[in-house]
Amino acid sequence: MSKFGEIIETSVPVLLDFYTEWDQASQEMHAVLRDVAAALGDKAKVVKIDVEKNEELSSALRVTGLPTLMIYKSGEMKWRKSGEQDANTLIGLVNEYV
């Protein structure tokens, strides 16, 4: 989990996407997150986390629904929601913390 700490302890917002390869909604979010990352550029990071490969972290953060999206800044969770989101909504949310 030390790598997770390094990921979220940044001064720029970090949008985390908890997903699995077999979940349809998670798969549909891939294109949305590519658009979000392209729109935000260096102002934020977008990080995808496979819950099956990171079970301990997913359990610690109580990730139950997929996809689960979180925004962290300076190590603090600022926003969290399960389910699909559109690119414009996510871009707007992340920009609130830039």
N, C-alpha and C. Protein backbone atom coordinates (compact mmCIF):
# COMPACT_ATOMS: atom_id res chain seq x y z
N MET A 1 0.81 -1.20 0.00
CA MET A 1 0.00 0.00 0.00
C MET A 1 0.85 1.26 0.00
N SER A 2 2.16 1.13 0.15
CA SER A 2 3.01 2.31 0.13
C SER A 2 2.98 2.99 -1.23
N LYS A 3 2.84 2.21 -2.29
CA LYS A 3 2.73 2.81 -3.62
C LYS A 3 1.47 3.67 -3.72
N PHE A 4 0.39 3.21 -3.10
CA PHE A 4 -0.85 3.98 -3.10
C PHE A 4 -0.63 5.33 -2.44
N GLY A 5 0.08 5.33 -1.33
CA GLY A 5 0.39 6.59 -0.65
C GLY A 5 1.15 7.54 -1.54
N GLU A 6 2.10 7.01 -2.30
CA GLU A 6 2.86 7.85 -3.22
C GLU A 6 1.97 8.42 -4.32
N ILE A 7 1.02 7.62 -4.77
CA ILE A 7 0.12 8.06 -5.85
C ILE A 7 -0.76 9.22 -5.39
N ILE A 8 -1.32 9.11 -4.17
CA ILE A 8 -2.30 10.12 -3.74
C ILE A 8 -1.69 11.31 -3.01
N GLU A 9 -0.43 11.24 -2.64
CA GLU A 9 0.22 12.34 -1.91
C GLU A 9 0.80 13.38 -2.86
N THR A 10 0.08 13.76 -3.87
CA THR A 10 0.57 14.75 -4.82
C THR A 10 -0.22 16.04 -4.69
N SER A 11 0.37 17.12 -5.17
CA SER A 11 -0.31 18.42 -5.09
C SER A 11 -1.35 18.59 -6.20
N VAL A 12 -1.30 17.71 -7.21
CA VAL A 12 -2.34 17.76 -8.25
C VAL A 12 -3.40 16.72 -7.93
N PRO A 13 -4.65 16.97 -8.32
CA PRO A 13 -5.70 15.98 -8.06
C PRO A 13 -5.42 14.66 -8.78
N VAL A 14 -5.83 13.56 -8.15
CA VAL A 14 -5.67 12.23 -8.73
C VAL A 14 -7.06 11.60 -8.80
N LEU A 15 -7.48 11.26 -10.01
CA LEU A 15 -8.74 10.57 -10.22
C LEU A 15 -8.44 9.08 -10.29
N LEU A 16 -8.98 8.32 -9.34
CA LEU A 16 -8.77 6.88 -9.30
C LEU A 16 -9.99 6.17 -9.85
N ASP A 17 -9.75 5.16 -10.67
CA ASP A 17 -10.83 4.33 -11.21
C ASP A 17 -10.58 2.90 -10.77
N PHE A 18 -11.43 2.39 -9.89
CA PHE A 18 -11.35 1.00 -9.47
C PHE A 18 -12.24 0.20 -10.39
N TYR A 19 -11.67 -0.83 -11.05
CA TYR A 19 -12.38 -1.56 -12.09
C TYR A 19 -11.97 -3.03 -12.09
N THR A 20 -12.67 -3.82 -12.91
CA THR A 20 -12.23 -5.17 -13.25
C THR A 20 -12.37 -5.33 -14.76
N GLU A 21 -11.63 -6.26 -15.30
CA GLU A 21 -11.68 -6.50 -16.75
C GLU A 21 -13.01 -7.08 -17.19
N TRP A 22 -13.69 -7.82 -16.31
CA TRP A 22 -14.91 -8.51 -16.71
C TRP A 22 -16.18 -7.68 -16.52
N ASP A 23 -16.09 -6.55 -15.84
CA ASP A 23 -17.27 -5.73 -15.57
C ASP A 23 -17.55 -4.80 -16.75
N GLN A 24 -18.76 -4.91 -17.33
CA GLN A 24 -19.11 -4.13 -18.52
C GLN A 24 -19.04 -2.62 -18.26
N ALA A 25 -19.60 -2.17 -17.14
CA ALA A 25 -19.57 -0.74 -16.84
C ALA A 25 -18.13 -0.23 -16.69
N SER A 26 -17.26 -1.05 -16.09
CA SER A 26 -15.86 -0.67 -15.96
C SER A 26 -15.22 -0.52 -17.33
N GLN A 27 -15.53 -1.43 -18.24
CA GLN A 27 -14.98 -1.38 -19.59
C GLN A 27 -15.43 -0.13 -20.32
N GLU A 28 -16.70 0.24 -20.15
CA GLU A 28 -17.23 1.43 -20.82
C GLU A 28 -16.58 2.71 -20.31
N MET A 29 -16.07 2.68 -19.08
CA MET A 29 -15.42 3.86 -18.51
C MET A 29 -14.03 4.10 -19.08
N HIS A 30 -13.40 3.08 -19.68
CA HIS A 30 -12.05 3.25 -20.22
C HIS A 30 -11.97 4.43 -21.20
N ALA A 31 -12.88 4.49 -22.17
CA ALA A 31 -12.86 5.57 -23.16
C ALA A 31 -13.14 6.92 -22.50
N VAL A 32 -14.06 6.93 -21.55
CA VAL A 32 -14.38 8.18 -20.84
C VAL A 32 -13.14 8.69 -20.11
N LEU A 33 -12.44 7.79 -19.44
CA LEU A 33 -11.25 8.21 -18.68
C LEU A 33 -10.11 8.66 -19.58
N ARG A 34 -10.01 8.07 -20.77
CA ARG A 34 -9.01 8.55 -21.74
C ARG A 34 -9.32 10.00 -22.11
N ASP A 35 -10.60 10.29 -22.34
CA ASP A 35 -11.00 11.66 -22.67
C ASP A 35 -10.72 12.62 -21.52
N VAL A 36 -11.01 12.17 -20.31
CA VAL A 36 -10.76 13.00 -19.12
C VAL A 36 -9.27 13.29 -18.99
N ALA A 37 -8.44 12.26 -19.12
CA ALA A 37 -6.99 12.44 -19.01
C ALA A 37 -6.48 13.39 -20.08
N ALA A 38 -6.99 13.26 -21.30
CA ALA A 38 -6.54 14.14 -22.39
C ALA A 38 -6.96 15.58 -22.12
N ALA A 39 -8.16 15.78 -21.62
CA ALA A 39 -8.66 17.13 -21.36
C ALA A 39 -7.92 17.81 -20.21
N LEU A 40 -7.55 17.04 -19.20
CA LEU A 40 -6.90 17.61 -18.02
C LEU A 40 -5.39 17.79 -18.20
N GLY A 41 -4.78 17.00 -19.05
CA GLY A 41 -3.35 17.12 -19.28
C GLY A 41 -2.56 16.99 -18.00
N ASP A 42 -1.65 17.95 -17.75
CA ASP A 42 -0.78 17.92 -16.58
C ASP A 42 -1.45 18.44 -15.31
N LYS A 43 -2.69 18.92 -15.41
CA LYS A 43 -3.37 19.49 -14.24
C LYS A 43 -3.82 18.43 -13.26
N ALA A 44 -3.87 17.16 -13.69
CA ALA A 44 -4.33 16.08 -12.82
C ALA A 44 -3.81 14.75 -13.35
N LYS A 45 -3.93 13.72 -12.52
CA LYS A 45 -3.56 12.37 -12.93
C LYS A 45 -4.82 11.51 -12.94
N VAL A 46 -4.86 10.55 -13.87
CA VAL A 46 -5.91 9.55 -13.89
C VAL A 46 -5.23 8.20 -13.72
N VAL A 47 -5.64 7.46 -12.68
CA VAL A 47 -5.01 6.19 -12.36
C VAL A 47 -6.07 5.10 -12.29
N LYS A 48 -5.85 4.02 -13.02
CA LYS A 48 -6.77 2.88 -13.02
C LYS A 48 -6.21 1.81 -12.09
N ILE A 49 -7.08 1.24 -11.25
CA ILE A 49 -6.66 0.23 -10.29
C ILE A 49 -7.57 -0.99 -10.45
N ASP A 50 -6.98 -2.11 -10.85
CA ASP A 50 -7.72 -3.37 -11.01
C ASP A 50 -7.97 -3.94 -9.62
N VAL A 51 -9.24 -4.07 -9.23
CA VAL A 51 -9.55 -4.53 -7.87
C VAL A 51 -9.11 -5.97 -7.63
N GLU A 52 -9.07 -6.79 -8.69
CA GLU A 52 -8.65 -8.18 -8.51
C GLU A 52 -7.15 -8.29 -8.27
N LYS A 53 -6.38 -7.35 -8.76
CA LYS A 53 -4.93 -7.36 -8.54
C LYS A 53 -4.54 -6.57 -7.30
N ASN A 54 -5.48 -5.82 -6.76
CA ASN A 54 -5.23 -4.97 -5.58
C ASN A 54 -6.34 -5.18 -4.55
N GLU A 55 -6.54 -6.44 -4.17
CA GLU A 55 -7.65 -6.78 -3.27
C GLU A 55 -7.52 -6.14 -1.90
N GLU A 56 -6.31 -6.09 -1.37
CA GLU A 56 -6.11 -5.51 -0.03
C GLU A 56 -6.48 -4.02 -0.03
N LEU A 57 -6.02 -3.29 -1.03
CA LEU A 57 -6.34 -1.87 -1.14
C LEU A 57 -7.84 -1.67 -1.34
N SER A 58 -8.42 -2.44 -2.25
CA SER A 58 -9.85 -2.32 -2.53
C SER A 58 -10.68 -2.59 -1.28
N SER A 59 -10.27 -3.58 -0.52
CA SER A 59 -10.97 -3.90 0.72
C SER A 59 -10.81 -2.78 1.75
N ALA A 60 -9.60 -2.26 1.88
CA ALA A 60 -9.33 -1.19 2.83
C ALA A 60 -10.16 0.06 2.52
N LEU A 61 -10.38 0.31 1.24
CA LEU A 61 -11.16 1.49 0.82
C LEU A 61 -12.65 1.17 0.65
N ARG A 62 -13.02 -0.07 1.00
CA ARG A 62 -14.42 -0.52 0.93
C ARG A 62 -15.03 -0.34 -0.46
N VAL A 63 -14.27 -0.73 -1.47
CA VAL A 63 -14.77 -0.68 -2.84
C VAL A 63 -15.65 -1.90 -3.05
N THR A 64 -16.94 -1.68 -3.26
CA THR A 64 -17.87 -2.79 -3.49
C THR A 64 -18.52 -2.71 -4.86
N GLY A 65 -18.93 -1.52 -5.28
CA GLY A 65 -19.54 -1.35 -6.59
C GLY A 65 -18.50 -0.98 -7.62
N LEU A 66 -18.74 -1.38 -8.86
CA LEU A 66 -17.81 -1.06 -9.95
C LEU A 66 -18.53 -0.36 -11.08
N PRO A 67 -17.86 0.56 -11.73
CA PRO A 67 -16.59 1.15 -11.30
C PRO A 67 -16.79 2.07 -10.09
N THR A 68 -15.76 2.21 -9.29
CA THR A 68 -15.77 3.19 -8.20
C THR A 68 -14.71 4.23 -8.53
N LEU A 69 -15.11 5.48 -8.50
CA LEU A 69 -14.22 6.59 -8.83
C LEU A 69 -13.98 7.42 -7.58
N MET A 70 -12.73 7.87 -7.40
CA MET A 70 -12.36 8.70 -6.26
C MET A 70 -11.43 9.80 -6.74
N ILE A 71 -11.53 10.94 -6.09
CA ILE A 71 -10.58 12.02 -6.33
C ILE A 71 -9.84 12.28 -5.04
N TYR A 72 -8.51 12.23 -5.12
CA TYR A 72 -7.64 12.55 -3.99
C TYR A 72 -6.80 13.77 -4.34
N LYS A 73 -6.49 14.55 -3.32
CA LYS A 73 -5.51 15.63 -3.47
C LYS A 73 -4.76 15.75 -2.15
N SER A 74 -3.45 15.79 -2.24
CA SER A 74 -2.58 15.89 -1.06
C SER A 74 -2.90 14.81 -0.04
N GLY A 75 -3.20 13.60 -0.52
CA GLY A 75 -3.45 12.47 0.36
C GLY A 75 -4.83 12.39 0.96
N GLU A 76 -5.70 13.33 0.64
CA GLU A 76 -7.04 13.38 1.22
C GLU A 76 -8.10 13.10 0.16
N MET A 77 -9.04 12.21 0.48
CA MET A 77 -10.12 11.93 -0.44
C MET A 77 -11.08 13.13 -0.49
N LYS A 78 -11.32 13.63 -1.69
CA LYS A 78 -12.17 14.80 -1.87
C LYS A 78 -13.56 14.43 -2.40
N TRP A 79 -13.64 13.31 -3.14
CA TRP A 79 -14.90 12.91 -3.79
C TRP A 79 -14.86 11.43 -4.07
N ARG A 80 -16.03 10.79 -4.03
CA ARG A 80 -16.12 9.35 -4.31
C ARG A 80 -17.52 9.02 -4.80
N LYS A 81 -17.58 8.16 -5.80
CA LYS A 81 -18.88 7.73 -6.31
C LYS A 81 -18.71 6.42 -7.06
N SER A 82 -19.68 5.53 -6.91
CA SER A 82 -19.69 4.28 -7.67
C SER A 82 -20.63 4.43 -8.84
N GLY A 83 -20.30 3.76 -9.94
CA GLY A 83 -21.14 3.81 -11.13
C GLY A 83 -20.50 4.67 -12.20
N GLU A 84 -21.07 4.54 -13.39
CA GLU A 84 -20.52 5.26 -14.54
C GLU A 84 -20.77 6.77 -14.41
N GLN A 85 -19.82 7.53 -14.91
CA GLN A 85 -19.90 8.99 -14.95
C GLN A 85 -19.51 9.44 -16.35
N ASP A 86 -20.01 10.59 -16.78
CA ASP A 86 -19.61 11.08 -18.09
C ASP A 86 -18.36 11.94 -17.96
N ALA A 87 -17.67 12.12 -19.08
CA ALA A 87 -16.39 12.83 -19.09
C ALA A 87 -16.53 14.26 -18.59
N ASN A 88 -17.54 14.98 -19.04
CA ASN A 88 -17.70 16.39 -18.64
C ASN A 88 -17.90 16.53 -17.13
N THR A 89 -18.66 15.63 -16.55
CA THR A 89 -18.87 15.67 -15.10
C THR A 89 -17.55 15.45 -14.37
N LEU A 90 -16.79 14.44 -14.80
CA LEU A 90 -15.51 14.15 -14.14
C LEU A 90 -14.51 15.28 -14.32
N ILE A 91 -14.45 15.85 -15.50
CA ILE A 91 -13.53 16.97 -15.75
C ILE A 91 -13.89 18.14 -14.83
N GLY A 92 -15.18 18.44 -14.72
CA GLY A 92 -15.63 19.53 -13.84
C GLY A 92 -15.28 19.27 -12.39
N LEU A 93 -15.50 18.04 -11.95
CA LEU A 93 -15.18 17.68 -10.55
C LEU A 93 -13.68 17.82 -10.27
N VAL A 94 -12.86 17.28 -11.15
CA VAL A 94 -11.41 17.34 -10.94
C VAL A 94 -10.93 18.79 -10.98
N ASN A 95 -11.48 19.59 -11.87
CA ASN A 95 -11.08 21.00 -11.97
C ASN A 95 -11.37 21.79 -10.69
N GLU A 96 -12.34 21.33 -9.91
CA GLU A 96 -12.62 22.00 -8.63
C GLU A 96 -11.43 21.92 -7.67
N TYR A 97 -10.56 20.93 -7.87
CA TYR A 97 -9.44 20.70 -6.95
C TYR A 97 -8.09 21.05 -7.55
N VAL A 98 -8.08 21.60 -8.75
CA VAL A 98 -6.81 21.97 -9.41
C VAL A 98 -6.20 23.15 -8.70
